Each structure stands twice: as C-alpha cells, then as structure tokens.
PDB file of all heavy atoms in Angstrom:
ATOM      1  N   TYR A   1       0.878  -1.199   0.014  1.00  0.00           N
ATOM      2  CA  TYR A   1       0.053   0.026  -0.001  1.00  0.00           C
ATOM      3  C   TYR A   1       0.914   1.218   0.022  1.00  0.00           C
ATOM      4  O   TYR A   1       2.140   1.157   0.097  1.00  0.00           O
ATOM      5  CB  TYR A   1      -0.901  -0.031   1.241  1.00  0.00           C
ATOM      6  CG  TYR A   1      -0.182   0.012   2.545  1.00  0.00           C
ATOM      7  CD1 TYR A   1       0.059   1.198   3.199  1.00  0.00           C
ATOM      8  CD2 TYR A   1       0.306  -1.158   3.120  1.00  0.00           C
ATOM      9  CE1 TYR A   1       0.745   1.236   4.394  1.00  0.00           C
ATOM     10  CE2 TYR A   1       0.997  -1.156   4.319  1.00  0.00           C
ATOM     11  CZ  TYR A   1       1.199   0.071   4.920  1.00  0.00           C
ATOM     12  OH  TYR A   1       1.910   0.070   6.143  1.00  0.00           O
ATOM     13  N   ASP A   2       0.294   2.429  -0.072  1.00  0.00           N
ATOM     14  CA  ASP A   2       1.063   3.664  -0.080  1.00  0.00           C
ATOM     15  C   ASP A   2       0.374   4.668   0.793  1.00  0.00           C
ATOM     16  O   ASP A   2      -0.778   5.092   0.500  1.00  0.00           O
ATOM     17  CB  ASP A   2       1.184   4.148  -1.491  1.00  0.00           C
ATOM     18  CG  ASP A   2       2.114   5.361  -1.610  1.00  0.00           C
ATOM     19  OD1 ASP A   2       2.919   5.607  -0.659  1.00  0.00           O
ATOM     20  OD2 ASP A   2       2.086   6.016  -2.662  1.00  0.00           O
ATOM     21  N   ILE A   3       1.017   5.072   1.882  1.00  0.00           N
ATOM     22  CA  ILE A   3       0.439   6.062   2.799  1.00  0.00           C
ATOM     23  C   ILE A   3       1.597   6.794   3.484  1.00  0.00           C
ATOM     24  O   ILE A   3       2.717   6.272   3.483  1.00  0.00           O
ATOM     25  CB  ILE A   3      -0.444   5.342   3.852  1.00  0.00           C
ATOM     26  CG1 ILE A   3      -1.343   6.337   4.543  1.00  0.00           C
ATOM     27  CG2 ILE A   3       0.367   4.584   4.799  1.00  0.00           C
ATOM     28  CD1 ILE A   3      -2.386   5.689   5.439  1.00  0.00           C
ATOM     29  N   LEU A   4       1.355   8.028   3.916  1.00  0.00           N
ATOM     30  CA  LEU A   4       2.378   8.784   4.654  1.00  0.00           C
ATOM     31  C   LEU A   4       2.740   7.984   5.864  1.00  0.00           C
ATOM     32  O   LEU A   4       1.990   7.287   6.521  1.00  0.00           O
ATOM     33  CB  LEU A   4       1.763  10.129   5.090  1.00  0.00           C
ATOM     34  CG  LEU A   4       1.456  11.122   3.933  1.00  0.00           C
ATOM     35  CD1 LEU A   4       0.885  12.369   4.473  1.00  0.00           C
ATOM     36  CD2 LEU A   4       2.704  11.423   3.127  1.00  0.00           C
ATOM     37  N   ASP A   5       4.027   8.180   6.271  1.00  0.00           N
ATOM     38  CA  ASP A   5       4.608   7.369   7.434  1.00  0.00           C
ATOM     39  C   ASP A   5       4.619   8.153   8.668  1.00  0.00           C
ATOM     40  O   ASP A   5       5.449   7.966   9.578  1.00  0.00           O
ATOM     41  CB  ASP A   5       5.996   6.937   7.095  1.00  0.00           C
ATOM     42  CG  ASP A   5       6.052   5.877   6.043  1.00  0.00           C
ATOM     43  OD1 ASP A   5       5.137   4.926   6.165  1.00  0.00           O
ATOM     44  OD2 ASP A   5       6.895   5.842   5.160  1.00  0.00           O
ATOM     45  N   ASP A   6       3.732   9.085   8.888  1.00  0.00           N
ATOM     46  CA  ASP A   6       3.658   9.787  10.139  1.00  0.00           C
ATOM     47  C   ASP A   6       3.117   8.889  11.222  1.00  0.00           C
ATOM     48  O   ASP A   6       2.213   8.087  11.005  1.00  0.00           O
ATOM     49  CB  ASP A   6       2.747  11.046   9.968  1.00  0.00           C
ATOM     50  CG  ASP A   6       3.281  12.021   8.945  1.00  0.00           C
ATOM     51  OD1 ASP A   6       4.503  12.094   8.762  1.00  0.00           O
ATOM     52  OD2 ASP A   6       2.462  12.660   8.288  1.00  0.00           O
ATOM     53  N   PRO A   7       3.553   9.044  12.490  1.00  0.00           N
ATOM     54  CA  PRO A   7       3.058   8.241  13.588  1.00  0.00           C
ATOM     55  C   PRO A   7       1.591   8.629  13.771  1.00  0.00           C
ATOM     56  O   PRO A   7       1.214   9.807  13.762  1.00  0.00           O
ATOM     57  CB  PRO A   7       3.842   8.673  14.811  1.00  0.00           C
ATOM     58  CG  PRO A   7       5.075   9.233  14.254  1.00  0.00           C
ATOM     59  CD  PRO A   7       4.768   9.833  12.891  1.00  0.00           C
ATOM     60  N   GLU A   8       0.738   7.654  13.886  1.00  0.00           N
ATOM     61  CA  GLU A   8      -0.659   7.832  14.020  1.00  0.00           C
ATOM     62  C   GLU A   8      -1.214   7.127  15.213  1.00  0.00           C
ATOM     63  O   GLU A   8      -0.564   6.186  15.725  1.00  0.00           O
ATOM     64  CB  GLU A   8      -1.441   7.381  12.752  1.00  0.00           C
ATOM     65  CG  GLU A   8      -1.149   8.113  11.500  1.00  0.00           C
ATOM     66  CD  GLU A   8      -1.532   9.545  11.550  1.00  0.00           C
ATOM     67  OE1 GLU A   8      -2.440   9.947  12.281  1.00  0.00           O
ATOM     68  OE2 GLU A   8      -0.880  10.347  10.796  1.00  0.00           O
ATOM     69  N   LYS A   9      -2.346   7.551  15.759  1.00  0.00           N
ATOM     70  CA  LYS A   9      -3.000   6.985  16.938  1.00  0.00           C
ATOM     71  C   LYS A   9      -4.200   6.149  16.523  1.00  0.00           C
ATOM     72  O   LYS A   9      -4.631   5.303  17.286  1.00  0.00           O
ATOM     73  CB  LYS A   9      -3.379   8.006  17.941  1.00  0.00           C
ATOM     74  CG  LYS A   9      -2.324   9.059  18.143  1.00  0.00           C
ATOM     75  CD  LYS A   9      -1.726   8.942  19.521  1.00  0.00           C
ATOM     76  CE  LYS A   9      -0.744  10.090  19.804  1.00  0.00           C
ATOM     77  NZ  LYS A   9       0.549   9.671  20.013  1.00  0.00           N
ATOM     78  N   GLU A  10      -4.766   6.366  15.378  1.00  0.00           N
ATOM     79  CA  GLU A  10      -5.950   5.718  14.882  1.00  0.00           C
ATOM     80  C   GLU A  10      -5.562   4.769  13.694  1.00  0.00           C
ATOM     81  O   GLU A  10      -4.797   5.222  12.808  1.00  0.00           O
ATOM     82  CB  GLU A  10      -6.973   6.656  14.361  1.00  0.00           C
ATOM     83  CG  GLU A  10      -7.441   7.693  15.504  1.00  0.00           C
ATOM     84  CD  GLU A  10      -8.214   7.013  16.574  1.00  0.00           C
ATOM     85  OE1 GLU A  10      -9.053   6.074  16.300  1.00  0.00           O
ATOM     86  OE2 GLU A  10      -8.064   7.330  17.737  1.00  0.00           O
ATOM     87  N   PHE A  11      -6.099   3.592  13.707  1.00  0.00           N
ATOM     88  CA  PHE A  11      -5.721   2.554  12.682  1.00  0.00           C
ATOM     89  C   PHE A  11      -7.027   1.955  12.127  1.00  0.00           C
ATOM     90  O   PHE A  11      -7.995   1.698  12.873  1.00  0.00           O
ATOM     91  CB  PHE A  11      -4.869   1.504  13.265  1.00  0.00           C
ATOM     92  CG  PHE A  11      -3.531   1.996  13.711  1.00  0.00           C
ATOM     93  CD1 PHE A  11      -3.351   2.607  14.952  1.00  0.00           C
ATOM     94  CD2 PHE A  11      -2.448   1.902  12.852  1.00  0.00           C
ATOM     95  CE1 PHE A  11      -2.164   3.080  15.389  1.00  0.00           C
ATOM     96  CE2 PHE A  11      -1.174   2.401  13.279  1.00  0.00           C
ATOM     97  CZ  PHE A  11      -1.038   2.975  14.518  1.00  0.00           C
ATOM     98  N   ASP A  12      -7.022   1.722  10.834  1.00  0.00           N
ATOM     99  CA  ASP A  12      -8.070   0.925  10.206  1.00  0.00           C
ATOM    100  C   ASP A  12      -7.689  -0.529  10.246  1.00  0.00           C
ATOM    101  O   ASP A  12      -6.570  -0.886  10.019  1.00  0.00           O
ATOM    102  CB  ASP A  12      -8.336   1.391   8.782  1.00  0.00           C
ATOM    103  CG  ASP A  12      -9.039   2.680   8.705  1.00  0.00           C
ATOM    104  OD1 ASP A  12      -9.924   2.964   9.546  1.00  0.00           O
ATOM    105  OD2 ASP A  12      -8.727   3.488   7.725  1.00  0.00           O
ATOM    106  N   VAL A  13      -8.610  -1.385  10.620  1.00  0.00           N
ATOM    107  CA  VAL A  13      -8.453  -2.856  10.643  1.00  0.00           C
ATOM    108  C   VAL A  13      -8.903  -3.406   9.351  1.00  0.00           C
ATOM    109  O   VAL A  13     -10.041  -3.191   8.886  1.00  0.00           O
ATOM    110  CB  VAL A  13      -9.174  -3.489  11.822  1.00  0.00           C
ATOM    111  CG1 VAL A  13      -8.959  -4.974  11.859  1.00  0.00           C
ATOM    112  CG2 VAL A  13      -8.802  -2.829  13.161  1.00  0.00           C
ATOM    113  N   TYR A  14      -8.051  -4.225   8.688  1.00  0.00           N
ATOM    114  CA  TYR A  14      -8.404  -4.837   7.463  1.00  0.00           C
ATOM    115  C   TYR A  14      -8.282  -6.379   7.583  1.00  0.00           C
ATOM    116  O   TYR A  14      -7.434  -6.912   8.249  1.00  0.00           O
ATOM    117  CB  TYR A  14      -7.463  -4.401   6.284  1.00  0.00           C
ATOM    118  CG  TYR A  14      -7.649  -3.005   5.903  1.00  0.00           C
ATOM    119  CD1 TYR A  14      -6.914  -1.959   6.512  1.00  0.00           C
ATOM    120  CD2 TYR A  14      -8.499  -2.655   4.825  1.00  0.00           C
ATOM    121  CE1 TYR A  14      -7.074  -0.648   6.116  1.00  0.00           C
ATOM    122  CE2 TYR A  14      -8.668  -1.293   4.444  1.00  0.00           C
ATOM    123  CZ  TYR A  14      -7.924  -0.362   5.098  1.00  0.00           C
ATOM    124  OH  TYR A  14      -8.093   1.003   4.750  1.00  0.00           O
ATOM    125  N   GLU A  15      -9.154  -7.072   6.843  1.00  0.00           N
ATOM    126  CA  GLU A  15      -9.045  -8.533   6.768  1.00  0.00           C
ATOM    127  C   GLU A  15      -8.879  -8.916   5.332  1.00  0.00           C
ATOM    128  O   GLU A  15      -9.617  -8.416   4.449  1.00  0.00           O
ATOM    129  CB  GLU A  15     -10.383  -9.124   7.332  1.00  0.00           C
ATOM    130  CG  GLU A  15     -10.381 -10.652   7.214  1.00  0.00           C
ATOM    131  CD  GLU A  15     -11.742 -11.253   7.683  1.00  0.00           C
ATOM    132  OE1 GLU A  15     -12.597 -10.494   8.157  1.00  0.00           O
ATOM    133  OE2 GLU A  15     -11.888 -12.436   7.470  1.00  0.00           O
ATOM    134  N   ALA A  16      -7.796  -9.702   5.081  1.00  0.00           N
ATOM    135  CA  ALA A  16      -7.548 -10.156   3.729  1.00  0.00           C
ATOM    136  C   ALA A  16      -7.665 -11.676   3.626  1.00  0.00           C
ATOM    137  O   ALA A  16      -7.320 -12.391   4.630  1.00  0.00           O
ATOM    138  CB  ALA A  16      -6.140  -9.785   3.281  1.00  0.00           C
ATOM    139  N   SER A  17      -8.238 -12.153   2.509  1.00  0.00           N
ATOM    140  CA  SER A  17      -8.338 -13.591   2.293  1.00  0.00           C
ATOM    141  C   SER A  17      -7.998 -13.846   0.855  1.00  0.00           C
ATOM    142  O   SER A  17      -8.478 -13.222   0.007  1.00  0.00           O
ATOM    143  CB  SER A  17      -9.743 -14.017   2.562  1.00  0.00           C
ATOM    144  OG  SER A  17      -9.940 -15.379   2.215  1.00  0.00           O
ATOM    145  N   PHE A  18      -6.945 -14.780   0.636  1.00  0.00           N
ATOM    146  CA  PHE A  18      -6.490 -14.999  -0.693  1.00  0.00           C
ATOM    147  C   PHE A  18      -5.906 -16.356  -0.817  1.00  0.00           C
ATOM    148  O   PHE A  18      -5.567 -17.016   0.179  1.00  0.00           O
ATOM    149  CB  PHE A  18      -5.496 -13.936  -1.165  1.00  0.00           C
ATOM    150  CG  PHE A  18      -4.304 -13.750  -0.251  1.00  0.00           C
ATOM    151  CD1 PHE A  18      -3.139 -14.452  -0.469  1.00  0.00           C
ATOM    152  CD2 PHE A  18      -4.378 -12.814   0.773  1.00  0.00           C
ATOM    153  CE1 PHE A  18      -2.085 -14.233   0.329  1.00  0.00           C
ATOM    154  CE2 PHE A  18      -3.265 -12.651   1.624  1.00  0.00           C
ATOM    155  CZ  PHE A  18      -2.124 -13.284   1.395  1.00  0.00           C
ATOM    156  N   LYS A  19      -5.861 -16.849  -2.041  1.00  0.00           N
ATOM    157  CA  LYS A  19      -5.293 -18.159  -2.371  1.00  0.00           C
ATOM    158  C   LYS A  19      -3.939 -17.970  -3.060  1.00  0.00           C
ATOM    159  O   LYS A  19      -3.786 -17.196  -3.951  1.00  0.00           O
ATOM    160  CB  LYS A  19      -6.213 -18.947  -3.231  1.00  0.00           C
ATOM    161  CG  LYS A  19      -7.543 -19.280  -2.601  1.00  0.00           C
ATOM    162  CD  LYS A  19      -8.476 -20.062  -3.470  1.00  0.00           C
ATOM    163  CE  LYS A  19      -9.684 -20.525  -2.726  1.00  0.00           C
ATOM    164  NZ  LYS A  19     -10.796 -19.680  -2.835  1.00  0.00           N
ATOM    165  N   ALA A  20      -2.956 -18.758  -2.620  1.00  0.00           N
ATOM    166  CA  ALA A  20      -1.630 -18.679  -3.182  1.00  0.00           C
ATOM    167  C   ALA A  20      -1.691 -19.289  -4.630  1.00  0.00           C
ATOM    168  O   ALA A  20      -2.464 -20.181  -4.856  1.00  0.00           O
ATOM    169  CB  ALA A  20      -0.594 -19.487  -2.316  1.00  0.00           C
ATOM    170  N   GLU A  21      -0.861 -18.724  -5.485  1.00  0.00           N
ATOM    171  CA  GLU A  21      -0.765 -19.203  -6.824  1.00  0.00           C
ATOM    172  C   GLU A  21       0.377 -20.220  -6.960  1.00  0.00           C
ATOM    173  O   GLU A  21       1.511 -19.982  -6.475  1.00  0.00           O
ATOM    174  CB  GLU A  21      -0.536 -17.982  -7.816  1.00  0.00           C
ATOM    175  CG  GLU A  21      -1.691 -17.080  -7.788  1.00  0.00           C
ATOM    176  CD  GLU A  21      -1.461 -15.842  -8.629  1.00  0.00           C
ATOM    177  OE1 GLU A  21      -0.367 -15.653  -9.206  1.00  0.00           O
ATOM    178  OE2 GLU A  21      -2.402 -14.979  -8.694  1.00  0.00           O
ATOM    179  N   PRO A  22       0.127 -21.410  -7.493  1.00  0.00           N
ATOM    180  CA  PRO A  22       1.166 -22.450  -7.571  1.00  0.00           C
ATOM    181  C   PRO A  22       2.318 -22.151  -8.508  1.00  0.00           C
ATOM    182  O   PRO A  22       3.344 -22.815  -8.346  1.00  0.00           O
ATOM    183  CB  PRO A  22       0.381 -23.643  -8.019  1.00  0.00           C
ATOM    184  CG  PRO A  22      -0.809 -23.177  -8.716  1.00  0.00           C
ATOM    185  CD  PRO A  22      -1.065 -21.809  -8.084  1.00  0.00           C
ATOM    186  N   TYR A  23       2.118 -21.224  -9.448  1.00  0.00           N
ATOM    187  CA  TYR A  23       3.210 -20.942 -10.408  1.00  0.00           C
ATOM    188  C   TYR A  23       4.447 -20.507  -9.574  1.00  0.00           C
ATOM    189  O   TYR A  23       4.359 -19.767  -8.641  1.00  0.00           O
ATOM    190  CB  TYR A  23       2.786 -19.804 -11.293  1.00  0.00           C
ATOM    191  CG  TYR A  23       3.868 -19.386 -12.270  1.00  0.00           C
ATOM    192  CD1 TYR A  23       4.026 -20.089 -13.424  1.00  0.00           C
ATOM    193  CD2 TYR A  23       4.616 -18.326 -12.035  1.00  0.00           C
ATOM    194  CE1 TYR A  23       5.057 -19.689 -14.322  1.00  0.00           C
ATOM    195  CE2 TYR A  23       5.642 -17.920 -12.918  1.00  0.00           C
ATOM    196  CZ  TYR A  23       5.810 -18.603 -14.042  1.00  0.00           C
ATOM    197  OH  TYR A  23       6.776 -18.284 -14.955  1.00  0.00           O
ATOM    198  N   PRO A  24       5.670 -20.931  -9.886  1.00  0.00           N
ATOM    199  CA  PRO A  24       6.165 -21.646 -11.108  1.00  0.00           C
ATOM    200  C   PRO A  24       6.275 -23.145 -10.890  1.00  0.00           C
ATOM    201  O   PRO A  24       6.817 -23.826 -11.761  1.00  0.00           O
ATOM    202  CB  PRO A  24       7.386 -20.969 -11.385  1.00  0.00           C
ATOM    203  CG  PRO A  24       7.970 -20.651 -10.043  1.00  0.00           C
ATOM    204  CD  PRO A  24       6.762 -20.327  -9.211  1.00  0.00           C
ATOM    205  N   TYR A  25       5.946 -23.660  -9.692  1.00  0.00           N
ATOM    206  CA  TYR A  25       6.351 -25.009  -9.339  1.00  0.00           C
ATOM    207  C   TYR A  25       5.215 -26.026  -9.450  1.00  0.00           C
ATOM    208  O   TYR A  25       5.437 -27.256  -9.250  1.00  0.00           O
ATOM    209  CB  TYR A  25       6.898 -25.040  -7.914  1.00  0.00           C
ATOM    210  CG  TYR A  25       8.098 -24.232  -7.720  1.00  0.00           C
ATOM    211  CD1 TYR A  25       8.089 -23.061  -6.977  1.00  0.00           C
ATOM    212  CD2 TYR A  25       9.301 -24.583  -8.317  1.00  0.00           C
ATOM    213  CE1 TYR A  25       9.167 -22.297  -6.838  1.00  0.00           C
ATOM    214  CE2 TYR A  25      10.392 -23.749  -8.144  1.00  0.00           C
ATOM    215  CZ  TYR A  25      10.388 -22.659  -7.397  1.00  0.00           C
ATOM    216  OH  TYR A  25      11.497 -21.867  -7.303  1.00  0.00           O
ATOM    217  N   GLY A  26       3.959 -25.647  -9.808  1.00  0.00           N
ATOM    218  CA  GLY A  26       2.888 -26.625  -9.927  1.00  0.00           C
ATOM    219  C   GLY A  26       2.106 -26.798  -8.663  1.00  0.00           C
ATOM    220  O   GLY A  26       2.542 -26.312  -7.552  1.00  0.00           O
ATOM    221  N   THR A  27       0.968 -27.452  -8.715  1.00  0.00           N
ATOM    222  CA  THR A  27       0.023 -27.483  -7.626  1.00  0.00           C
ATOM    223  C   THR A  27       0.542 -28.273  -6.413  1.00  0.00           C
ATOM    224  O   THR A  27       0.215 -28.023  -5.316  1.00  0.00           O
ATOM    225  CB  THR A  27      -1.310 -28.057  -8.062  1.00  0.00           C
ATOM    226  OG1 THR A  27      -1.088 -29.338  -8.716  1.00  0.00           O
ATOM    227  CG2 THR A  27      -2.020 -27.113  -9.048  1.00  0.00           C
ATOM    228  N   ASP A  28       1.370 -29.298  -6.648  1.00  0.00           N
ATOM    229  CA  ASP A  28       1.809 -30.103  -5.496  1.00  0.00           C
ATOM    230  C   ASP A  28       2.956 -29.504  -4.699  1.00  0.00           C
ATOM    231  O   ASP A  28       3.339 -29.978  -3.679  1.00  0.00           O
ATOM    232  CB  ASP A  28       2.241 -31.506  -5.942  1.00  0.00           C
ATOM    233  CG  ASP A  28       3.446 -31.410  -6.890  1.00  0.00           C
ATOM    234  OD1 ASP A  28       3.697 -30.388  -7.530  1.00  0.00           O
ATOM    235  OD2 ASP A  28       4.119 -32.483  -7.040  1.00  0.00           O
ATOM    236  N   THR A  29       3.426 -28.346  -5.116  1.00  0.00           N
ATOM    237  CA  THR A  29       4.562 -27.751  -4.396  1.00  0.00           C
ATOM    238  C   THR A  29       4.194 -27.202  -3.007  1.00  0.00           C
ATOM    239  O   THR A  29       5.043 -27.139  -2.165  1.00  0.00           O
ATOM    240  CB  THR A  29       5.128 -26.561  -5.266  1.00  0.00           C
ATOM    241  OG1 THR A  29       6.409 -26.220  -4.655  1.00  0.00           O
ATOM    242  CG2 THR A  29       4.227 -25.391  -5.226  1.00  0.00           C
ATOM    243  N   PHE A  30       2.941 -26.925  -2.781  1.00  0.00           N
ATOM    244  CA  PHE A  30       2.569 -26.381  -1.422  1.00  0.00           C
ATOM    245  C   PHE A  30       2.817 -27.403  -0.299  1.00  0.00           C
ATOM    246  O   PHE A  30       2.966 -26.997   0.823  1.00  0.00           O
ATOM    247  CB  PHE A  30       1.101 -25.947  -1.448  1.00  0.00           C
ATOM    248  CG  PHE A  30       0.857 -24.818  -2.339  1.00  0.00           C
ATOM    249  CD1 PHE A  30      -0.219 -24.863  -3.248  1.00  0.00           C
ATOM    250  CD2 PHE A  30       1.622 -23.649  -2.349  1.00  0.00           C
ATOM    251  CE1 PHE A  30      -0.479 -23.802  -4.082  1.00  0.00           C
ATOM    252  CE2 PHE A  30       1.367 -22.592  -3.171  1.00  0.00           C
ATOM    253  CZ  PHE A  30       0.265 -22.609  -3.991  1.00  0.00           C
ATOM    254  N   ALA A  31       2.825 -28.706  -0.627  1.00  0.00           N
ATOM    255  CA  ALA A  31       3.007 -29.716   0.376  1.00  0.00           C
ATOM    256  C   ALA A  31       4.337 -29.611   1.142  1.00  0.00           C
ATOM    257  O   ALA A  31       4.507 -29.966   2.285  1.00  0.00           O
ATOM    258  CB  ALA A  31       2.933 -31.094  -0.274  1.00  0.00           C
ATOM    259  N   GLU A  32       5.334 -28.978   0.469  1.00  0.00           N
ATOM    260  CA  GLU A  32       6.641 -28.831   1.087  1.00  0.00           C
ATOM    261  C   GLU A  32       6.714 -27.550   1.983  1.00  0.00           C
ATOM    262  O   GLU A  32       7.701 -27.387   2.739  1.00  0.00           O
ATOM    263  CB  GLU A  32       7.752 -28.719   0.020  1.00  0.00           C
ATOM    264  CG  GLU A  32       7.866 -29.956  -0.802  1.00  0.00           C
ATOM    265  CD  GLU A  32       8.944 -29.837  -1.869  1.00  0.00           C
ATOM    266  OE1 GLU A  32       9.781 -28.887  -1.827  1.00  0.00           O
ATOM    267  OE2 GLU A  32       8.904 -30.587  -2.787  1.00  0.00           O
ATOM    268  N   ILE A  33       5.790 -26.659   1.862  1.00  0.00           N
ATOM    269  CA  ILE A  33       5.874 -25.402   2.567  1.00  0.00           C
ATOM    270  C   ILE A  33       5.411 -25.587   4.073  1.00  0.00           C
ATOM    271  O   ILE A  33       4.245 -25.937   4.289  1.00  0.00           O
ATOM    272  CB  ILE A  33       4.960 -24.265   1.941  1.00  0.00           C
ATOM    273  CG1 ILE A  33       5.378 -24.151   0.463  1.00  0.00           C
ATOM    274  CG2 ILE A  33       5.029 -22.996   2.716  1.00  0.00           C
ATOM    275  CD1 ILE A  33       6.845 -23.582   0.264  1.00  0.00           C
ATOM    276  N   GLU A  34       6.319 -25.389   5.012  1.00  0.00           N
ATOM    277  CA  GLU A  34       5.957 -25.470   6.431  1.00  0.00           C
ATOM    278  C   GLU A  34       5.651 -24.128   7.088  1.00  0.00           C
ATOM    279  O   GLU A  34       4.844 -24.107   8.036  1.00  0.00           O
ATOM    280  CB  GLU A  34       7.186 -26.120   7.148  1.00  0.00           C
ATOM    281  CG  GLU A  34       7.431 -27.534   6.646  1.00  0.00           C
ATOM    282  CD  GLU A  34       8.684 -28.155   7.282  1.00  0.00           C
ATOM    283  OE1 GLU A  34       9.308 -27.519   8.146  1.00  0.00           O
ATOM    284  OE2 GLU A  34       9.051 -29.319   6.924  1.00  0.00           O
ATOM    285  N   THR A  35       6.293 -23.068   6.629  1.00  0.00           N
ATOM    286  CA  THR A  35       5.990 -21.699   7.168  1.00  0.00           C
ATOM    287  C   THR A  35       5.983 -20.763   5.986  1.00  0.00           C
ATOM    288  O   THR A  35       6.506 -21.006   4.991  1.00  0.00           O
ATOM    289  CB  THR A  35       7.055 -21.220   8.186  1.00  0.00           C
ATOM    290  OG1 THR A  35       8.290 -21.197   7.531  1.00  0.00           O
ATOM    291  CG2 THR A  35       7.141 -22.170   9.385  1.00  0.00           C
ATOM    292  N   ILE A  36       5.275 -19.648   6.169  1.00  0.00           N
ATOM    293  CA  ILE A  36       5.274 -18.583   5.240  1.00  0.00           C
ATOM    294  C   ILE A  36       5.656 -17.288   5.941  1.00  0.00           C
ATOM    295  O   ILE A  36       5.574 -17.206   7.192  1.00  0.00           O
ATOM    296  CB  ILE A  36       3.909 -18.385   4.515  1.00  0.00           C
ATOM    297  CG1 ILE A  36       2.822 -17.954   5.523  1.00  0.00           C
ATOM    298  CG2 ILE A  36       3.517 -19.594   3.762  1.00  0.00           C
ATOM    299  CD1 ILE A  36       1.548 -17.432   4.856  1.00  0.00           C
TER     300      ILE A  36
END
C-alpha cells in the first residue's frame, strides 16, 4: 500500500483472504511449505 509514514494513533483494521498461486512449481509444491 502507499500512505504517509507519520506516527498515528488511529488505525483501520483490514481482513484479507486470498489463495496462493502455484506458479512456477505446480500445484503439489505447497506440500513442502511449512511456514510462510
């Protein structure tokens, strides 16, 4: 995102939900991922 970096006291809370894309390793590659 892009916003001024001034210290602030008020924050907006956001919720994101998304699916990882298997490219470039194919769909079975996620089985090896232990942490992100």
